[in-house]
Amino acid sequence: MRTHAAAQARPRRHRRIWLVLPALVGLVALAGCGGSSSSSTKEAAPAPTPTVSTSTTTSSAPASGASNVSLSANPSGQLEYNTKSLSAKAGKVTIAFTNQAPLGHDVAVESSSGQQVGATPVFSGGSKTLSLELKPGTYKFFCTVPGHRQAGMEGTLTVQ
């Protein structure tokens, strides 16, 4: 009888392992997702949050510390914007970008360190707006479509 009882006990033990195993795997996964016990006194500054809209322009005057600027792509399809320089006040900067060209274009903005801080989607035949919180400094605006920036579709945005 002992042999028969021992043979039945072994499969039960294996069944228990299969019931407990998923719980153990879950606990190990949760432990890997836990936070670190070390602390840091230096925090990274949050990146500016761009807001892209499909509206053309607003009829109301900009709020204090806010600037609205306009930019358009060459409507005949040349790889250029209508200007190479824009200026705005520090704070909320809204770029109203119009592209009536048959080619898709966008407008992206990058900081002096080369970090892209916002962009519209690539589109043609309409207008989009890009709103950013910008500190004083010099920024570059450009088209991200491959080859367009290299062909001269870029400019400087000065924020004071």
C-alpha atoms as a PDB file:
ATOM      1  CA  MET A   1       0.000   0.000   0.000  1.00  0.00           C
ATOM      2  CA  ARG A   2       2.836   2.363   0.699  1.00  0.00           C
ATOM      3  CA  THR A   3       3.983   2.166  -2.871  1.00  0.00           C
ATOM      4  CA  HIS A   4       0.533   3.034  -4.143  1.00  0.00           C
ATOM      5  CA  ALA A   5       0.166   5.941  -1.664  1.00  0.00           C
ATOM      6  CA  ALA A   6       3.630   7.274  -2.539  1.00  0.00           C
ATOM      7  CA  ALA A   7       2.821   7.100  -6.249  1.00  0.00           C
ATOM      8  CA  GLN A   8      -0.384   9.123  -5.715  1.00  0.00           C
ATOM      9  CA  ALA A   9       1.341  11.718  -3.505  1.00  0.00           C
ATOM     10  CA  ARG A  10       3.919  12.559  -6.170  1.00  0.00           C
ATOM     11  CA  PRO A  11       1.392  13.777  -8.827  1.00  0.00           C
ATOM     12  CA  ARG A  12      -0.395  15.868  -6.191  1.00  0.00           C
ATOM     13  CA  ARG A  13       2.876  17.501  -5.244  1.00  0.00           C
ATOM     14  CA  HIS A  14       3.504  18.298  -8.926  1.00  0.00           C
ATOM     15  CA  ARG A  15       0.005  19.779  -9.243  1.00  0.00           C
ATOM     16  CA  ARG A  16       0.689  22.050  -6.271  1.00  0.00           C
ATOM     17  CA  ILE A  17       3.873  23.292  -7.917  1.00  0.00           C
ATOM     18  CA  TRP A  18       1.967  24.171 -11.096  1.00  0.00           C
ATOM     19  CA  LEU A  19      -0.603  26.045  -9.012  1.00  0.00           C
ATOM     20  CA  VAL A  20       2.031  28.008  -7.085  1.00  0.00           C
ATOM     21  CA  LEU A  21       4.425  28.626  -9.984  1.00  0.00           C
ATOM     22  CA  PRO A  22       2.372  31.403 -11.703  1.00  0.00           C
ATOM     23  CA  ALA A  23       2.079  33.256  -8.386  1.00  0.00           C
ATOM     24  CA  LEU A  24       5.846  33.069  -7.872  1.00  0.00           C
ATOM     25  CA  VAL A  25       6.509  34.340 -11.394  1.00  0.00           C
ATOM     26  CA  GLY A  26       4.105  37.235 -10.748  1.00  0.00           C
ATOM     27  CA  LEU A  27       5.860  38.162  -7.514  1.00  0.00           C
ATOM     28  CA  VAL A  28       9.252  38.119  -9.216  1.00  0.00           C
ATOM     29  CA  ALA A  29       7.902  40.369 -11.977  1.00  0.00           C
ATOM     30  CA  LEU A  30       6.461  42.825  -9.446  1.00  0.00           C
ATOM     31  CA  ALA A  31       9.735  42.910  -7.542  1.00  0.00           C
ATOM     32  CA  GLY A  32      11.531  43.861 -10.764  1.00  0.00           C
ATOM     33  CA  CYS A  33       9.138  46.791 -11.296  1.00  0.00           C
ATOM     34  CA  GLY A  34       9.716  48.244  -7.842  1.00  0.00           C
ATOM     35  CA  GLY A  35      11.337  51.590  -7.237  1.00  0.00           C
ATOM     36  CA  SER A  36      14.906  52.178  -6.281  1.00  0.00           C
ATOM     37  CA  SER A  37      15.837  52.810  -2.675  1.00  0.00           C
ATOM     38  CA  SER A  38      18.467  55.359  -3.676  1.00  0.00           C
ATOM     39  CA  SER A  39      17.492  58.984  -3.861  1.00  0.00           C
ATOM     40  CA  SER A  40      18.795  61.775  -6.023  1.00  0.00           C
ATOM     41  CA  THR A  41      18.849  65.452  -5.228  1.00  0.00           C
ATOM     42  CA  LYS A  42      19.146  66.464  -8.882  1.00  0.00           C
ATOM     43  CA  GLU A  43      15.933  66.301 -10.888  1.00  0.00           C
ATOM     44  CA  ALA A  44      15.762  66.655 -14.644  1.00  0.00           C
ATOM     45  CA  ALA A  45      13.697  69.559 -15.894  1.00  0.00           C
ATOM     46  CA  PRO A  46      10.521  68.405 -17.616  1.00  0.00           C
ATOM     47  CA  ALA A  47      10.553  68.715 -21.394  1.00  0.00           C
ATOM     48  CA  PRO A  48       8.231  71.318 -22.895  1.00  0.00           C
ATOM     49  CA  THR A  49       4.879  69.874 -23.797  1.00  0.00           C
ATOM     50  CA  PRO A  50       3.884  70.749 -27.353  1.00  0.00           C
ATOM     51  CA  THR A  51       0.277  71.207 -28.313  1.00  0.00           C
ATOM     52  CA  VAL A  52      -0.696  70.697 -31.941  1.00  0.00           C
ATOM     53  CA  SER A  53      -4.005  71.917 -33.247  1.00  0.00           C
ATOM     54  CA  THR A  54      -5.658  71.954 -36.645  1.00  0.00           C
ATOM     55  CA  SER A  55      -7.161  75.395 -36.167  1.00  0.00           C
ATOM     56  CA  THR A  56      -5.782  78.176 -38.311  1.00  0.00           C
ATOM     57  CA  THR A  57      -5.539  81.277 -36.137  1.00  0.00           C
ATOM     58  CA  THR A  58      -7.277  82.742 -33.150  1.00  0.00           C
ATOM     59  CA  SER A  59      -9.083  86.026 -33.354  1.00  0.00           C
ATOM     60  CA  SER A  60      -8.395  86.972 -29.743  1.00  0.00           C
ATOM     61  CA  ALA A  61      -5.221  88.770 -28.691  1.00  0.00           C
ATOM     62  CA  PRO A  62      -2.535  86.638 -27.063  1.00  0.00           C
ATOM     63  CA  ALA A  63      -2.488  86.520 -23.281  1.00  0.00           C
ATOM     64  CA  SER A  64       0.256  88.276 -21.372  1.00  0.00           C
ATOM     65  CA  GLY A  65       3.560  86.493 -22.004  1.00  0.00           C
ATOM     66  CA  ALA A  66       2.131  84.668 -25.029  1.00  0.00           C
ATOM     67  CA  SER A  67       3.180  85.125 -28.640  1.00  0.00           C
ATOM     68  CA  ASN A  68       1.533  84.108 -31.876  1.00  0.00           C
ATOM     69  CA  VAL A  69       3.725  83.862 -34.973  1.00  0.00           C
ATOM     70  CA  SER A  70       2.873  82.787 -38.522  1.00  0.00           C
ATOM     71  CA  LEU A  71       4.870  80.619 -40.874  1.00  0.00           C
ATOM     72  CA  SER A  72       4.025  79.136 -44.251  1.00  0.00           C
ATOM     73  CA  ALA A  73       5.582  76.773 -46.738  1.00  0.00           C
ATOM     74  CA  ASN A  74       6.187  77.958 -50.276  1.00  0.00           C
ATOM     75  CA  PRO A  75       2.843  77.214 -52.022  1.00  0.00           C
ATOM     76  CA  SER A  76       4.480  76.317 -55.361  1.00  0.00           C
ATOM     77  CA  GLY A  77       6.353  73.380 -53.814  1.00  0.00           C
ATOM     78  CA  GLN A  78       9.790  74.957 -53.366  1.00  0.00           C
ATOM     79  CA  LEU A  79      11.576  73.600 -50.284  1.00  0.00           C
ATOM     80  CA  GLU A  80      11.430  76.815 -48.297  1.00  0.00           C
ATOM     81  CA  TYR A  81       9.397  78.699 -45.712  1.00  0.00           C
ATOM     82  CA  ASN A  82       8.212  82.251 -46.293  1.00  0.00           C
ATOM     83  CA  THR A  83      10.798  83.492 -43.752  1.00  0.00           C
ATOM     84  CA  LYS A  84      14.125  82.433 -42.267  1.00  0.00           C
ATOM     85  CA  SER A  85      13.582  84.166 -38.907  1.00  0.00           C
ATOM     86  CA  LEU A  86      10.829  84.450 -36.343  1.00  0.00           C
ATOM     87  CA  SER A  87      10.785  86.192 -32.965  1.00  0.00           C
ATOM     88  CA  ALA A  88       8.533  85.749 -29.952  1.00  0.00           C
ATOM     89  CA  LYS A  89       8.257  86.553 -26.265  1.00  0.00           C
ATOM     90  CA  ALA A  90       9.184  83.925 -23.685  1.00  0.00           C
ATOM     91  CA  GLY A  91       6.272  81.860 -22.390  1.00  0.00           C
ATOM     92  CA  LYS A  92       3.581  80.301 -24.543  1.00  0.00           C
ATOM     93  CA  VAL A  93       4.613  80.546 -28.195  1.00  0.00           C
ATOM     94  CA  THR A  94       2.097  79.499 -30.832  1.00  0.00           C
ATOM     95  CA  ILE A  95       3.260  78.945 -34.401  1.00  0.00           C
ATOM     96  CA  ALA A  96       0.450  79.016 -36.967  1.00  0.00           C
ATOM     97  CA  PHE A  97       1.835  76.963 -39.874  1.00  0.00           C
ATOM     98  CA  THR A  98       0.157  76.930 -43.293  1.00  0.00           C
ATOM     99  CA  ASN A  99       1.073  74.511 -46.078  1.00  0.00           C
ATOM    100  CA  GLN A 100      -0.805  74.998 -49.348  1.00  0.00           C
ATOM    101  CA  ALA A 101       1.951  73.214 -51.305  1.00  0.00           C
ATOM    102  CA  PRO A 102       1.270  69.873 -52.999  1.00  0.00           C
ATOM    103  CA  LEU A 103       4.159  68.391 -50.964  1.00  0.00           C
ATOM    104  CA  GLY A 104       3.825  67.364 -47.332  1.00  0.00           C
ATOM    105  CA  HIS A 105       5.679  69.587 -44.851  1.00  0.00           C
ATOM    106  CA  ASP A 106       5.759  70.192 -41.122  1.00  0.00           C
ATOM    107  CA  VAL A 107       7.423  72.569 -38.710  1.00  0.00           C
ATOM    108  CA  ALA A 108       9.578  71.289 -35.861  1.00  0.00           C
ATOM    109  CA  VAL A 109      11.378  73.332 -33.205  1.00  0.00           C
ATOM    110  CA  GLU A 110      14.636  72.385 -31.523  1.00  0.00           C
ATOM    111  CA  SER A 111      16.545  74.001 -28.675  1.00  0.00           C
ATOM    112  CA  SER A 112      20.110  75.314 -28.920  1.00  0.00           C
ATOM    113  CA  SER A 113      21.264  71.946 -27.542  1.00  0.00           C
ATOM    114  CA  GLY A 114      19.679  70.177 -30.531  1.00  0.00           C
ATOM    115  CA  GLN A 115      16.749  68.648 -28.606  1.00  0.00           C
ATOM    116  CA  GLN A 116      13.468  68.705 -30.530  1.00  0.00           C
ATOM    117  CA  VAL A 117      10.867  70.379 -28.315  1.00  0.00           C
ATOM    118  CA  GLY A 118       7.837  70.038 -30.572  1.00  0.00           C
ATOM    119  CA  ALA A 119       6.523  69.525 -34.108  1.00  0.00           C
ATOM    120  CA  THR A 120       3.355  69.499 -36.156  1.00  0.00           C
ATOM    121  CA  PRO A 121       2.470  66.402 -38.149  1.00  0.00           C
ATOM    122  CA  VAL A 122       3.490  66.333 -41.822  1.00  0.00           C
ATOM    123  CA  PHE A 123       0.563  67.506 -43.959  1.00  0.00           C
ATOM    124  CA  SER A 124      -0.376  69.406 -47.129  1.00  0.00           C
ATOM    125  CA  GLY A 125      -3.295  71.627 -48.071  1.00  0.00           C
ATOM    126  CA  GLY A 126      -4.136  73.214 -44.732  1.00  0.00           C
ATOM    127  CA  SER A 127      -2.976  74.757 -41.483  1.00  0.00           C
ATOM    128  CA  LYS A 128      -1.855  73.494 -38.098  1.00  0.00           C
ATOM    129  CA  THR A 129      -0.732  75.258 -34.958  1.00  0.00           C
ATOM    130  CA  LEU A 130       2.067  74.307 -32.617  1.00  0.00           C
ATOM    131  CA  SER A 131       2.054  75.716 -29.064  1.00  0.00           C
ATOM    132  CA  LEU A 132       5.132  75.472 -26.857  1.00  0.00           C
ATOM    133  CA  GLU A 133       6.308  76.879 -23.538  1.00  0.00           C
ATOM    134  CA  LEU A 134       9.681  78.401 -24.420  1.00  0.00           C
ATOM    135  CA  LYS A 135      12.330  80.113 -22.322  1.00  0.00           C
ATOM    136  CA  PRO A 136      14.434  82.979 -23.722  1.00  0.00           C
ATOM    137  CA  GLY A 137      17.010  81.739 -26.223  1.00  0.00           C
ATOM    138  CA  THR A 138      17.660  80.845 -29.832  1.00  0.00           C
ATOM    139  CA  TYR A 139      15.782  77.927 -31.375  1.00  0.00           C
ATOM    140  CA  LYS A 140      15.799  76.391 -34.851  1.00  0.00           C
ATOM    141  CA  PHE A 141      12.627  75.648 -36.796  1.00  0.00           C
ATOM    142  CA  PHE A 142      12.726  73.228 -39.711  1.00  0.00           C
ATOM    143  CA  CYS A 143      10.883  70.657 -41.815  1.00  0.00           C
ATOM    144  CA  THR A 144      11.488  67.053 -40.713  1.00  0.00           C
ATOM    145  CA  VAL A 145      10.653  65.478 -44.094  1.00  0.00           C
ATOM    146  CA  PRO A 146      13.882  63.778 -45.243  1.00  0.00           C
ATOM    147  CA  GLY A 147      16.005  66.127 -47.359  1.00  0.00           C
ATOM    148  CA  HIS A 148      13.880  69.252 -46.800  1.00  0.00           C
ATOM    149  CA  ARG A 149      15.961  70.768 -43.993  1.00  0.00           C
ATOM    150  CA  GLN A 150      19.163  70.052 -45.905  1.00  0.00           C
ATOM    151  CA  ALA A 151      17.656  71.817 -48.938  1.00  0.00           C
ATOM    152  CA  GLY A 152      17.197  74.973 -46.844  1.00  0.00           C
ATOM    153  CA  MET A 153      13.807  74.549 -45.209  1.00  0.00           C
ATOM    154  CA  GLU A 154      14.860  75.897 -41.821  1.00  0.00           C
ATOM    155  CA  GLY A 155      15.168  79.135 -39.879  1.00  0.00           C
ATOM    156  CA  THR A 156      15.831  80.711 -36.509  1.00  0.00           C
ATOM    157  CA  LEU A 157      13.271  81.443 -33.782  1.00  0.00           C
ATOM    158  CA  THR A 158      14.505  84.024 -31.279  1.00  0.00           C
ATOM    159  CA  VAL A 159      12.661  84.015 -27.963  1.00  0.00           C
ATOM    160  CA  GLN A 160      13.180  87.049 -25.695  1.00  0.00           C
END
